[in-house]
Amino acid sequence: MINKSEIKDHTQVVASCGTHVGVVDHLDDQDRIKLSKSDPEAGGKHHFIPLAWVEKVDDNKVILNKNSKEVFAGWQEA
C-alpha cells in the first residue's frame, strides 16, 4: 500500500500507459484522490480515483496501476 503522505496536492496523475489523466486536487477522507476539475482531462468536473489504483509516487508524479481507458471508465464523478 502506498504511503498517503507522499501524495501532494497539485501533483500530476499518470496512468500505467504513461498518459496524463489528471492533477491531484486533494486526498479525500475515504481513501480516494479527488482530481482537479480545472485539468483539461476532467471536462470541468471533479473526479475521484481510489488510492488502491496508485502504483507509486515518483518524480512528482502519481503513477497508477490502471491504463488510461480503465481510469476514465472507472473514475467517479464528484
C-alpha atoms as a PDB file:
ATOM      1  CA  MET A   1       0.000   0.000   0.000  1.00  0.00           C
ATOM      2  CA  ILE A   2       1.184   3.476  -0.862  1.00  0.00           C
ATOM      3  CA  ASN A   3       2.015   5.994   1.873  1.00  0.00           C
ATOM      4  CA  LYS A   4      -0.736   8.618   1.579  1.00  0.00           C
ATOM      5  CA  SER A   5       1.579  11.352   2.857  1.00  0.00           C
ATOM      6  CA  GLU A   6       3.634  11.045  -0.359  1.00  0.00           C
ATOM      7  CA  ILE A   7       0.683  12.285  -2.424  1.00  0.00           C
ATOM      8  CA  LYS A   8       0.689  16.069  -2.538  1.00  0.00           C
ATOM      9  CA  ASP A   9      -1.907  18.496  -3.853  1.00  0.00           C
ATOM     10  CA  HIS A  10      -1.339  19.661  -7.468  1.00  0.00           C
ATOM     11  CA  THR A  11       0.720  16.570  -8.372  1.00  0.00           C
ATOM     12  CA  GLN A  12       0.319  15.171 -11.883  1.00  0.00           C
ATOM     13  CA  VAL A  13      -1.503  11.817 -12.124  1.00  0.00           C
ATOM     14  CA  VAL A  14      -0.342   9.431 -14.871  1.00  0.00           C
ATOM     15  CA  ALA A  15      -1.872   6.123 -15.989  1.00  0.00           C
ATOM     16  CA  SER A  16       0.258   2.979 -16.277  1.00  0.00           C
ATOM     17  CA  CYS A  17       0.488   3.572 -20.038  1.00  0.00           C
ATOM     18  CA  GLY A  18       2.092   6.993 -19.422  1.00  0.00           C
ATOM     19  CA  THR A  19      -0.990   9.058 -20.322  1.00  0.00           C
ATOM     20  CA  HIS A  20      -1.754  12.120 -18.212  1.00  0.00           C
ATOM     21  CA  VAL A  21      -5.155  11.585 -16.557  1.00  0.00           C
ATOM     22  CA  GLY A  22      -5.364  14.457 -14.096  1.00  0.00           C
ATOM     23  CA  VAL A  23      -3.940  16.542 -11.275  1.00  0.00           C
ATOM     24  CA  VAL A  24      -4.439  15.916  -7.559  1.00  0.00           C
ATOM     25  CA  ASP A  25      -6.834  18.421  -6.020  1.00  0.00           C
ATOM     26  CA  HIS A  26      -6.598  16.787  -2.581  1.00  0.00           C
ATOM     27  CA  LEU A  27      -6.899  13.496  -0.716  1.00  0.00           C
ATOM     28  CA  ASP A  28     -10.406  12.530   0.342  1.00  0.00           C
ATOM     29  CA  ASP A  29     -11.118  11.075   3.788  1.00  0.00           C
ATOM     30  CA  GLN A  30     -12.391   7.844   2.216  1.00  0.00           C
ATOM     31  CA  ASP A  31      -9.050   6.698   0.739  1.00  0.00           C
ATOM     32  CA  ARG A  32      -9.679   8.426  -2.560  1.00  0.00           C
ATOM     33  CA  ILE A  33      -7.880  11.090  -4.549  1.00  0.00           C
ATOM     34  CA  LYS A  34     -10.003  13.979  -5.759  1.00  0.00           C
ATOM     35  CA  LEU A  35      -8.781  15.199  -9.126  1.00  0.00           C
ATOM     36  CA  SER A  36      -8.870  18.862 -10.068  1.00  0.00           C
ATOM     37  CA  LYS A  37     -11.744  19.991 -12.267  1.00  0.00           C
ATOM     38  CA  SER A  38      -9.558  22.609 -13.957  1.00  0.00           C
ATOM     39  CA  ASP A  39      -7.412  19.958 -15.670  1.00  0.00           C
ATOM     40  CA  PRO A  40      -8.232  19.537 -19.401  1.00  0.00           C
ATOM     41  CA  GLU A  41      -8.886  15.776 -18.945  1.00  0.00           C
ATOM     42  CA  ALA A  42     -11.545  16.472 -16.302  1.00  0.00           C
ATOM     43  CA  GLY A  43     -14.061  18.190 -18.549  1.00  0.00           C
ATOM     44  CA  GLY A  44     -14.736  20.839 -15.906  1.00  0.00           C
ATOM     45  CA  LYS A  45     -15.730  18.287 -13.232  1.00  0.00           C
ATOM     46  CA  HIS A  46     -14.030  16.825 -10.174  1.00  0.00           C
ATOM     47  CA  HIS A  47     -13.431  13.060 -10.260  1.00  0.00           C
ATOM     48  CA  PHE A  48     -12.420  10.549  -7.592  1.00  0.00           C
ATOM     49  CA  ILE A  49      -9.996   7.669  -8.006  1.00  0.00           C
ATOM     50  CA  PRO A  50      -9.267   5.110  -5.267  1.00  0.00           C
ATOM     51  CA  LEU A  51      -5.876   5.040  -3.550  1.00  0.00           C
ATOM     52  CA  ALA A  52      -5.777   1.332  -4.443  1.00  0.00           C
ATOM     53  CA  TRP A  53      -5.072   2.404  -8.042  1.00  0.00           C
ATOM     54  CA  VAL A  54      -1.802   4.122  -7.043  1.00  0.00           C
ATOM     55  CA  GLU A  55       1.245   2.072  -8.018  1.00  0.00           C
ATOM     56  CA  LYS A  56       3.832   4.583  -6.782  1.00  0.00           C
ATOM     57  CA  VAL A  57       4.713   8.236  -6.331  1.00  0.00           C
ATOM     58  CA  ASP A  58       7.818   9.124  -8.303  1.00  0.00           C
ATOM     59  CA  ASP A  59       9.399  12.323  -9.673  1.00  0.00           C
ATOM     60  CA  ASN A  60       6.470  14.454  -8.507  1.00  0.00           C
ATOM     61  CA  LYS A  61       4.008  12.170 -10.306  1.00  0.00           C
ATOM     62  CA  VAL A  62       1.352   9.815  -9.013  1.00  0.00           C
ATOM     63  CA  ILE A  63       1.622   6.717 -11.199  1.00  0.00           C
ATOM     64  CA  LEU A  64      -1.406   4.439 -11.378  1.00  0.00           C
ATOM     65  CA  ASN A  65      -1.691   0.686 -11.923  1.00  0.00           C
ATOM     66  CA  LYS A  66      -4.510   1.188 -14.477  1.00  0.00           C
ATOM     67  CA  ASN A  67      -4.211   2.304 -18.083  1.00  0.00           C
ATOM     68  CA  SER A  68      -5.960   5.483 -19.208  1.00  0.00           C
ATOM     69  CA  LYS A  69      -9.003   3.671 -20.627  1.00  0.00           C
ATOM     70  CA  GLU A  70      -9.510   1.883 -17.304  1.00  0.00           C
ATOM     71  CA  VAL A  71      -9.099   5.139 -15.371  1.00  0.00           C
ATOM     72  CA  PHE A  72     -11.569   7.111 -17.475  1.00  0.00           C
ATOM     73  CA  ALA A  73     -14.075   4.228 -17.381  1.00  0.00           C
ATOM     74  CA  GLY A  74     -13.737   3.690 -13.632  1.00  0.00           C
ATOM     75  CA  TRP A  75     -13.332   7.100 -12.042  1.00  0.00           C
ATOM     76  CA  GLN A  76     -16.271   8.529 -10.128  1.00  0.00           C
ATOM     77  CA  GLU A  77     -17.641  11.964 -10.847  1.00  0.00           C
ATOM     78  CA  ALA A  78     -17.812  14.134  -7.751  1.00  0.00           C
END
